[in-house]
Amino acid sequence: MDSTVIIVILAIASVASVLLFALKGLLDQVPDVIDSAGKARDAWHRFKNPELPPRVDD
């Protein structure tokens, strides 16, 4: 009976460890996703409203 309790405790600790590791990996990617979204938004605005070069009158 004692060994079953130890195995359950170790299993719970292992699952918690894996979940924390996965959460940390996910949270580490958030700044990169935000930067990419900002770059995509800027590129979309440049695509929708291109800046025309100034006219040169001859």
C-alpha atoms as a PDB file:
ATOM      1  CA  MET A   1       0.000   0.000   0.000  1.00  0.00           C
ATOM      2  CA  ASP A   2       2.850   2.374   0.835  1.00  0.00           C
ATOM      3  CA  SER A   3       4.491   1.840  -2.539  1.00  0.00           C
ATOM      4  CA  THR A   4       1.236   2.723  -4.333  1.00  0.00           C
ATOM      5  CA  VAL A   5       1.073   6.074  -2.539  1.00  0.00           C
ATOM      6  CA  ILE A   6       4.680   6.813  -3.447  1.00  0.00           C
ATOM      7  CA  ILE A   7       4.041   5.958  -7.103  1.00  0.00           C
ATOM      8  CA  VAL A   8       0.941   8.188  -7.190  1.00  0.00           C
ATOM      9  CA  ILE A   9       2.880  11.090  -5.661  1.00  0.00           C
ATOM     10  CA  LEU A  10       5.686  10.636  -8.178  1.00  0.00           C
ATOM     11  CA  ALA A  11       3.202  10.459 -11.046  1.00  0.00           C
ATOM     12  CA  ILE A  12       1.474  13.666  -9.955  1.00  0.00           C
ATOM     13  CA  ALA A  13       4.828  15.422  -9.574  1.00  0.00           C
ATOM     14  CA  SER A  14       5.897  14.220 -13.023  1.00  0.00           C
ATOM     15  CA  VAL A  15       2.706  15.456 -14.687  1.00  0.00           C
ATOM     16  CA  ALA A  16       3.020  18.824 -12.928  1.00  0.00           C
ATOM     17  CA  SER A  17       6.636  19.108 -14.057  1.00  0.00           C
ATOM     18  CA  VAL A  18       5.758  18.374 -17.683  1.00  0.00           C
ATOM     19  CA  LEU A  19       2.869  20.853 -17.617  1.00  0.00           C
ATOM     20  CA  LEU A  20       5.092  23.601 -16.181  1.00  0.00           C
ATOM     21  CA  PHE A  21       7.776  22.889 -18.788  1.00  0.00           C
ATOM     22  CA  ALA A  22       5.220  23.083 -21.602  1.00  0.00           C
ATOM     23  CA  LEU A  23       3.727  26.299 -20.180  1.00  0.00           C
ATOM     24  CA  LYS A  24       7.173  27.889 -19.952  1.00  0.00           C
ATOM     25  CA  GLY A  25       7.873  26.985 -23.575  1.00  0.00           C
ATOM     26  CA  LEU A  26       4.573  28.494 -24.650  1.00  0.00           C
ATOM     27  CA  LEU A  27       5.126  31.705 -22.695  1.00  0.00           C
ATOM     28  CA  ASP A  28       8.648  32.059 -24.123  1.00  0.00           C
ATOM     29  CA  GLN A  29       7.118  32.245 -27.613  1.00  0.00           C
ATOM     30  CA  VAL A  30       4.612  35.020 -26.821  1.00  0.00           C
ATOM     31  CA  PRO A  31       6.995  37.993 -27.380  1.00  0.00           C
ATOM     32  CA  ASP A  32       8.037  36.628 -30.787  1.00  0.00           C
ATOM     33  CA  VAL A  33       4.404  36.169 -31.804  1.00  0.00           C
ATOM     34  CA  ILE A  34       3.589  39.752 -30.776  1.00  0.00           C
ATOM     35  CA  ASP A  35       6.576  41.091 -32.753  1.00  0.00           C
ATOM     36  CA  SER A  36       5.540  39.080 -35.806  1.00  0.00           C
ATOM     37  CA  ALA A  37       1.970  40.345 -35.556  1.00  0.00           C
ATOM     38  CA  GLY A  38       3.222  43.936 -35.450  1.00  0.00           C
ATOM     39  CA  LYS A  39       5.422  43.381 -38.504  1.00  0.00           C
ATOM     40  CA  ALA A  40       2.537  41.774 -40.379  1.00  0.00           C
ATOM     41  CA  ARG A  41       0.256  44.713 -39.486  1.00  0.00           C
ATOM     42  CA  ASP A  42       2.861  47.227 -40.697  1.00  0.00           C
ATOM     43  CA  ALA A  43       3.367  45.306 -43.935  1.00  0.00           C
ATOM     44  CA  TRP A  44      -0.409  45.220 -44.494  1.00  0.00           C
ATOM     45  CA  HIS A  45      -0.657  48.984 -44.011  1.00  0.00           C
ATOM     46  CA  ARG A  46       2.215  49.535 -46.469  1.00  0.00           C
ATOM     47  CA  PHE A  47       0.466  47.250 -48.951  1.00  0.00           C
ATOM     48  CA  LYS A  48      -2.898  49.017 -48.634  1.00  0.00           C
ATOM     49  CA  ASN A  49      -1.437  52.565 -48.724  1.00  0.00           C
ATOM     50  CA  PRO A  50       1.793  52.529 -50.727  1.00  0.00           C
ATOM     51  CA  GLU A  51       3.850  55.675 -50.628  1.00  0.00           C
ATOM     52  CA  LEU A  52       4.220  57.015 -54.149  1.00  0.00           C
ATOM     53  CA  PRO A  53       7.563  58.568 -55.108  1.00  0.00           C
ATOM     54  CA  PRO A  54       7.440  62.329 -55.618  1.00  0.00           C
ATOM     55  CA  ARG A  55       6.686  63.485 -59.179  1.00  0.00           C
ATOM     56  CA  VAL A  56       9.457  65.121 -61.062  1.00  0.00           C
ATOM     57  CA  ASP A  57       8.160  67.734 -63.485  1.00  0.00           C
ATOM     58  CA  ASP A  58      10.389  68.151 -66.519  1.00  0.00           C
END
